[in-house]
Amino acid sequence: MKWNELRRIAESYGWYLLRTGGNHDIYAHPQKEGILKIERHGSKEVKSGLYHKLKRQIGF
């Protein structure tokens, strides 16, 4: 999965852009604790282990 696809999925699950960092976009969710960091690499592939961690955090 590419970073852009992951970003779209997170937004469809209710995550919203809180702020932009140096190399990451920081997302928050109104009903979940914590933040979600999504790198700004666009069309590059997300590595497998990181993908599964973010998948659990997003909730899909």
C-alpha atoms as a PDB file:
ATOM      1  CA  MET A   1       0.000   0.000   0.000  1.00  0.00           C
ATOM      2  CA  LYS A   2       1.223   3.487  -0.786  1.00  0.00           C
ATOM      3  CA  TRP A   3       1.338   6.382   1.684  1.00  0.00           C
ATOM      4  CA  ASN A   4      -1.310   8.355  -0.248  1.00  0.00           C
ATOM      5  CA  GLU A   5      -3.732   5.419  -0.083  1.00  0.00           C
ATOM      6  CA  LEU A   6      -3.152   5.019   3.649  1.00  0.00           C
ATOM      7  CA  ARG A   7      -3.813   8.740   4.164  1.00  0.00           C
ATOM      8  CA  ARG A   8      -7.149   8.517   2.300  1.00  0.00           C
ATOM      9  CA  ILE A   9      -8.217   5.472   4.320  1.00  0.00           C
ATOM     10  CA  ALA A  10      -7.347   7.199   7.620  1.00  0.00           C
ATOM     11  CA  GLU A  11      -9.414  10.232   6.635  1.00  0.00           C
ATOM     12  CA  SER A  12     -12.355   8.023   5.678  1.00  0.00           C
ATOM     13  CA  TYR A  13     -12.205   6.470   9.182  1.00  0.00           C
ATOM     14  CA  GLY A  14     -12.563   9.875  10.841  1.00  0.00           C
ATOM     15  CA  TRP A  15      -8.920  10.912  11.331  1.00  0.00           C
ATOM     16  CA  TYR A  16      -8.295  14.596  10.579  1.00  0.00           C
ATOM     17  CA  LEU A  17      -5.125  16.573   9.969  1.00  0.00           C
ATOM     18  CA  LEU A  18      -4.066  18.177  13.231  1.00  0.00           C
ATOM     19  CA  ARG A  19      -0.777  19.698  12.071  1.00  0.00           C
ATOM     20  CA  THR A  20       2.174  19.109   9.801  1.00  0.00           C
ATOM     21  CA  GLY A  21       5.557  18.175  11.174  1.00  0.00           C
ATOM     22  CA  GLY A  22       8.972  18.056   9.516  1.00  0.00           C
ATOM     23  CA  ASN A  23       8.532  14.783   7.607  1.00  0.00           C
ATOM     24  CA  HIS A  24       5.162  13.617   8.913  1.00  0.00           C
ATOM     25  CA  ASP A  25       1.567  14.751   8.973  1.00  0.00           C
ATOM     26  CA  ILE A  26       0.013  14.425  12.426  1.00  0.00           C
ATOM     27  CA  TYR A  27      -3.590  13.190  12.533  1.00  0.00           C
ATOM     28  CA  ALA A  28      -6.038  13.042  15.440  1.00  0.00           C
ATOM     29  CA  HIS A  29      -9.380  11.315  15.936  1.00  0.00           C
ATOM     30  CA  PRO A  30     -12.253  12.826  17.921  1.00  0.00           C
ATOM     31  CA  GLN A  31     -13.085   9.541  19.705  1.00  0.00           C
ATOM     32  CA  LYS A  32      -9.667   7.889  20.059  1.00  0.00           C
ATOM     33  CA  GLU A  33      -6.706   8.775  22.223  1.00  0.00           C
ATOM     34  CA  GLY A  34      -3.322   9.553  20.783  1.00  0.00           C
ATOM     35  CA  ILE A  35      -2.133  10.722  17.413  1.00  0.00           C
ATOM     36  CA  LEU A  36      -1.362   9.088  14.093  1.00  0.00           C
ATOM     37  CA  LYS A  37       1.844   9.971  12.237  1.00  0.00           C
ATOM     38  CA  ILE A  38       1.721   9.494   8.468  1.00  0.00           C
ATOM     39  CA  GLU A  39       4.878  10.125   6.514  1.00  0.00           C
ATOM     40  CA  ARG A  40       4.836  12.367   3.452  1.00  0.00           C
ATOM     41  CA  HIS A  41       6.329   9.996   0.880  1.00  0.00           C
ATOM     42  CA  GLY A  42       3.371   9.977  -1.502  1.00  0.00           C
ATOM     43  CA  SER A  43       3.742   7.140  -3.963  1.00  0.00           C
ATOM     44  CA  LYS A  44       6.321   5.105  -2.004  1.00  0.00           C
ATOM     45  CA  GLU A  45       5.252   1.827  -0.443  1.00  0.00           C
ATOM     46  CA  VAL A  46       4.650   1.546   3.301  1.00  0.00           C
ATOM     47  CA  LYS A  47       6.839  -1.174   4.823  1.00  0.00           C
ATOM     48  CA  SER A  48       4.983  -4.261   6.005  1.00  0.00           C
ATOM     49  CA  GLY A  49       5.512  -3.987   9.769  1.00  0.00           C
ATOM     50  CA  LEU A  50       4.703  -0.291   9.860  1.00  0.00           C
ATOM     51  CA  TYR A  51       1.631  -0.875   7.686  1.00  0.00           C
ATOM     52  CA  HIS A  52       0.207  -3.407  10.164  1.00  0.00           C
ATOM     53  CA  LYS A  53       0.888  -1.083  13.119  1.00  0.00           C
ATOM     54  CA  LEU A  54      -0.849   1.853  11.409  1.00  0.00           C
ATOM     55  CA  LYS A  55      -3.700  -0.399  10.261  1.00  0.00           C
ATOM     56  CA  ARG A  56      -4.460  -1.345  13.888  1.00  0.00           C
ATOM     57  CA  GLN A  57      -4.157   2.259  15.005  1.00  0.00           C
ATOM     58  CA  ILE A  58      -6.512   3.518  12.272  1.00  0.00           C
ATOM     59  CA  GLY A  59      -9.031   0.775  12.962  1.00  0.00           C
ATOM     60  CA  PHE A  60      -9.483  -1.158   9.708  1.00  0.00           C
END
